[in-house]
Amino acid sequence: MDPSRTATPVDHDGMSWPSLGTRQRRDETPAQREEREDKLAEAVKTILTCIGEDPEREGLLKTPDRYAKALMFFTQGYERNVREVINEAVFEEDHDEMVLVKDVDIFSLCEHHMVPFMGKISIAYIPNRRVVGLSKLARIAEMFARRLQVQERMTKQIATVLMEILQPQGVAVVMECSHLCMCSRGVQKPGSTTITSCMLGVFRSSPRTREEFLTLIRR
């Protein structure tokens, strides 16, 4: 079974849907990380050669090393631990109305073509006497975005993790992104966007609550 599709949102050590080499990457030493980046750089040299370029010409000499470091940054979400991201910033609070953080910029890599997709995400929940620091909503989204992803799965992962951590009355997530795999290749339709949503708890069961959320994010 694909580990990214299991039903457990947060493992015992705080990892969320870890991939095959996630823990190895997280726990490696600086020397092992350098070795990993060197392997990536060599792979980039091969790619440059395969597309007809000369990896030894001046403009490309440092490109393999740059790209290796960039790709490690773009995928740093594999190393993140959701419990460390939350960092105990969950508080008891007598609040039972919607909490919404909207229009958070998001950037990820499509796992099908490894090209970027980017856009905005809005996250809401209705507390059940537990609230989380507002910045943590954006940080959780960032953690899942910094992996090879598909937008549909990422939307659900963010909602499901928040549901487990906060145990609120409900969680709603809506994401709108532009995919370069659709805009710059294939069908080549620049300007097109993809919208995905995940509604859990009262956002799924109550049309009025869902409509309130959708109205707020349209403002």
Protein backbone atom coordinates (compact mmCIF):
# COMPACT_ATOMS: atom_id res chain seq x y z
CA MET A 1 0.00 0.00 0.00
CA ASP A 2 1.19 3.51 -0.79
CA PRO A 3 2.20 5.02 2.64
CA SER A 4 0.89 8.40 1.52
CA ARG A 5 -2.62 6.94 1.31
CA THR A 6 -2.90 5.19 4.66
CA ALA A 7 -5.63 6.20 7.08
CA THR A 8 -3.33 7.23 9.94
CA PRO A 9 -2.72 10.99 9.79
CA VAL A 10 -0.08 11.21 12.54
CA ASP A 11 2.30 8.35 13.39
CA HIS A 12 3.62 7.67 16.89
CA ASP A 13 6.72 9.79 16.23
CA GLY A 14 4.81 12.70 14.72
CA MET A 15 5.42 11.88 11.07
CA SER A 16 2.42 12.31 8.76
CA TRP A 17 2.06 9.87 5.88
CA PRO A 18 5.84 9.28 5.71
CA SER A 19 7.20 8.04 2.39
CA LEU A 20 9.62 5.14 2.00
CA GLY A 21 12.81 7.09 2.78
CA THR A 22 11.33 9.80 5.01
CA ARG A 23 12.81 8.69 8.33
CA GLN A 24 16.19 7.94 6.76
CA ARG A 25 16.32 11.45 5.32
CA ARG A 26 15.16 13.04 8.57
CA ASP A 27 17.72 11.19 10.71
CA GLU A 28 20.77 11.39 8.43
CA THR A 29 24.02 13.02 9.52
CA PRO A 30 25.47 16.12 7.79
CA ALA A 31 27.90 13.83 5.93
CA GLN A 32 25.06 11.61 4.73
CA ARG A 33 23.10 14.66 3.62
CA GLU A 34 26.09 15.89 1.64
CA GLU A 35 26.36 12.46 0.00
CA ARG A 36 22.65 12.63 -0.89
CA GLU A 37 23.09 16.05 -2.51
CA ASP A 38 26.13 14.82 -4.43
CA LYS A 39 24.06 11.95 -5.87
CA LEU A 40 21.36 14.41 -6.88
CA ALA A 41 23.91 16.67 -8.55
CA GLU A 42 25.30 13.76 -10.57
CA ALA A 43 21.76 12.88 -11.66
CA VAL A 44 21.22 16.46 -12.82
CA LYS A 45 24.40 16.26 -14.92
CA THR A 46 22.94 13.19 -16.60
CA ILE A 47 19.69 15.03 -17.28
CA LEU A 48 21.56 17.97 -18.81
CA THR A 49 23.47 15.62 -21.09
CA CYS A 50 20.28 13.77 -22.09
CA ILE A 51 18.52 16.97 -23.20
CA GLY A 52 21.49 17.87 -25.39
CA GLU A 53 23.26 20.35 -23.13
CA ASP A 54 26.87 20.52 -22.03
CA PRO A 55 27.07 20.35 -18.21
CA GLU A 56 30.66 21.59 -18.42
CA ARG A 57 29.90 24.91 -20.06
CA GLU A 58 30.27 28.01 -17.89
CA GLY A 59 26.59 28.76 -17.36
CA LEU A 60 25.82 25.21 -16.23
CA LEU A 61 28.91 24.35 -14.17
CA LYS A 62 27.23 25.00 -10.84
CA THR A 63 23.68 24.18 -11.92
CA PRO A 64 23.73 20.54 -10.70
CA ASP A 65 24.78 21.57 -7.18
CA ARG A 66 22.31 24.46 -7.14
CA TYR A 67 19.45 22.26 -8.29
CA ALA A 68 20.29 19.54 -5.77
CA LYS A 69 20.10 22.03 -2.91
CA ALA A 70 16.95 23.60 -4.36
CA LEU A 71 15.19 20.23 -4.67
CA MET A 72 16.05 19.35 -1.09
CA PHE A 73 14.50 22.67 -0.05
CA PHE A 74 11.40 22.17 -2.21
CA THR A 75 10.85 18.75 -0.58
CA GLN A 76 11.81 19.55 3.01
CA GLY A 77 8.29 18.64 4.11
CA TYR A 78 9.39 15.00 4.13
CA GLU A 79 11.62 15.82 7.10
CA ARG A 80 9.02 17.71 9.11
CA ASN A 81 7.29 16.34 12.18
CA VAL A 82 3.74 17.59 12.71
CA ARG A 83 4.13 17.52 16.50
CA GLU A 84 7.19 19.77 16.19
CA VAL A 85 5.31 22.05 13.80
CA ILE A 86 2.49 22.43 16.31
CA ASN A 87 5.07 22.77 19.14
CA GLU A 88 2.44 22.46 21.89
CA ALA A 89 0.61 25.54 20.58
CA VAL A 90 -2.81 24.01 21.30
CA PHE A 91 -4.76 25.84 23.99
CA GLU A 92 -7.96 25.31 25.92
CA GLU A 93 -10.33 28.13 24.96
CA ASP A 94 -14.07 28.59 25.35
CA HIS A 95 -14.65 29.46 21.70
CA ASP A 96 -17.06 27.60 19.43
CA GLU A 97 -17.31 29.84 16.37
CA MET A 98 -15.44 29.47 13.09
CA VAL A 99 -11.72 30.23 12.91
CA LEU A 100 -10.58 30.97 9.37
CA VAL A 101 -7.18 31.70 7.85
CA LYS A 102 -7.59 32.41 4.16
CA ASP A 103 -5.52 33.13 1.06
CA VAL A 104 -2.31 31.55 2.33
CA ASP A 105 0.22 31.34 -0.52
CA ILE A 106 1.23 27.78 -1.31
CA PHE A 107 3.89 26.21 -3.54
CA SER A 108 4.40 22.53 -4.30
CA LEU A 109 5.72 20.11 -6.91
CA CYS A 110 3.41 17.92 -8.96
CA GLU A 111 4.44 14.31 -8.39
CA HIS A 112 3.53 13.36 -11.97
CA HIS A 113 5.91 15.75 -13.75
CA MET A 114 7.92 17.31 -10.89
CA VAL A 115 7.01 20.82 -12.04
CA PRO A 116 5.50 23.45 -9.75
CA PHE A 117 1.92 24.18 -8.91
CA MET A 118 1.11 27.21 -6.81
CA GLY A 119 -1.83 29.15 -5.50
CA LYS A 120 -3.71 29.88 -2.30
CA ILE A 121 -5.29 27.84 0.45
CA SER A 122 -7.98 28.70 3.00
CA ILE A 123 -8.33 26.68 6.20
CA ALA A 124 -11.14 26.87 8.76
CA TYR A 125 -12.18 24.92 11.81
CA ILE A 126 -14.83 25.19 14.51
CA PRO A 127 -13.19 24.55 17.89
CA ASN A 128 -14.39 22.11 20.47
CA ARG A 129 -12.77 24.03 23.36
CA ARG A 130 -9.32 23.66 21.76
CA VAL A 131 -7.63 26.23 19.50
CA VAL A 132 -4.26 26.25 17.77
CA GLY A 133 -1.89 29.15 17.09
CA LEU A 134 -2.98 30.75 13.83
CA SER A 135 0.44 30.51 12.20
CA LYS A 136 0.37 26.75 12.74
CA LEU A 137 -2.39 26.38 10.16
CA ALA A 138 -0.11 27.91 7.53
CA ARG A 139 2.86 25.86 8.76
CA ILE A 140 0.93 22.59 8.47
CA ALA A 141 -0.08 23.52 4.92
CA GLU A 142 3.56 24.31 4.15
CA MET A 143 4.71 20.98 5.57
CA PHE A 144 2.50 19.02 3.20
CA ALA A 145 3.18 21.34 0.26
CA ARG A 146 6.93 20.80 0.49
CA ARG A 147 6.63 17.26 -0.86
CA LEU A 148 5.87 15.71 -4.22
CA GLN A 149 2.12 16.08 -4.23
CA VAL A 150 -1.19 16.03 -6.00
CA GLN A 151 -3.51 18.85 -5.02
CA GLU A 152 -6.43 16.55 -4.18
CA ARG A 153 -4.41 14.52 -1.69
CA MET A 154 -2.74 17.53 -0.08
CA THR A 155 -6.11 19.18 0.55
CA LYS A 156 -7.37 16.09 2.37
CA GLN A 157 -4.14 15.54 4.31
CA ILE A 158 -4.22 19.04 5.78
CA ALA A 159 -7.86 18.69 6.83
CA THR A 160 -7.41 15.20 8.27
CA VAL A 161 -4.36 16.10 10.36
CA LEU A 162 -6.12 19.13 11.85
CA MET A 163 -9.13 16.97 12.64
CA GLU A 164 -6.97 14.52 14.58
CA ILE A 165 -4.83 17.09 16.41
CA LEU A 166 -7.61 19.48 17.46
CA GLN A 167 -10.62 17.15 17.50
CA PRO A 168 -12.81 20.12 16.53
CA GLN A 169 -16.43 20.16 15.49
CA GLY A 170 -15.27 20.36 11.89
CA VAL A 171 -12.53 21.36 9.45
CA ALA A 172 -12.78 22.88 5.97
CA VAL A 173 -9.98 23.34 3.45
CA VAL A 174 -10.20 24.90 -0.01
CA MET A 175 -7.22 25.21 -2.33
CA GLU A 176 -6.98 26.98 -5.69
CA CYS A 177 -3.82 26.47 -7.74
CA SER A 178 -2.31 26.91 -11.16
CA HIS A 179 -0.41 23.85 -12.41
CA LEU A 180 2.54 24.34 -14.75
CA CYS A 181 2.12 20.75 -15.95
CA MET A 182 -1.18 21.95 -17.44
CA CYS A 183 -0.18 25.52 -18.35
CA SER A 184 3.24 25.02 -19.96
CA ARG A 185 2.99 21.52 -21.44
CA GLY A 186 0.34 19.01 -22.48
CA VAL A 187 -2.91 20.88 -23.03
CA GLN A 188 -1.05 24.21 -22.56
CA LYS A 189 -3.82 26.28 -21.02
CA PRO A 190 -2.21 29.16 -19.10
CA GLY A 191 -4.56 30.96 -16.76
CA SER A 192 -6.50 27.85 -15.82
CA THR A 193 -6.82 26.99 -12.13
CA THR A 194 -7.83 23.90 -10.18
CA ILE A 195 -9.98 24.11 -7.04
CA THR A 196 -10.15 21.30 -4.48
CA SER A 197 -11.94 21.11 -1.15
CA CYS A 198 -12.25 18.86 1.87
CA MET A 199 -15.10 19.28 4.36
CA LEU A 200 -15.11 17.28 7.59
CA GLY A 201 -17.45 17.24 10.59
CA VAL A 202 -20.06 20.01 10.68
CA PHE A 203 -18.72 21.52 7.46
CA ARG A 204 -19.86 18.33 5.72
CA SER A 205 -23.05 17.69 7.67
CA SER A 206 -24.38 21.26 7.95
CA PRO A 207 -25.13 23.13 4.68
CA ARG A 208 -25.43 26.43 6.60
CA THR A 209 -21.98 26.07 8.14
CA ARG A 210 -20.46 25.09 4.82
CA GLU A 211 -22.12 28.04 3.07
CA GLU A 212 -20.86 30.46 5.75
CA PHE A 213 -17.31 29.24 5.13
CA LEU A 214 -17.61 29.48 1.34
CA THR A 215 -19.09 32.98 1.61
CA LEU A 216 -16.25 34.17 3.85
CA ILE A 217 -13.48 32.92 1.56
CA ARG A 218 -15.12 34.63 -1.44
CA ARG A 219 -14.95 38.07 0.18
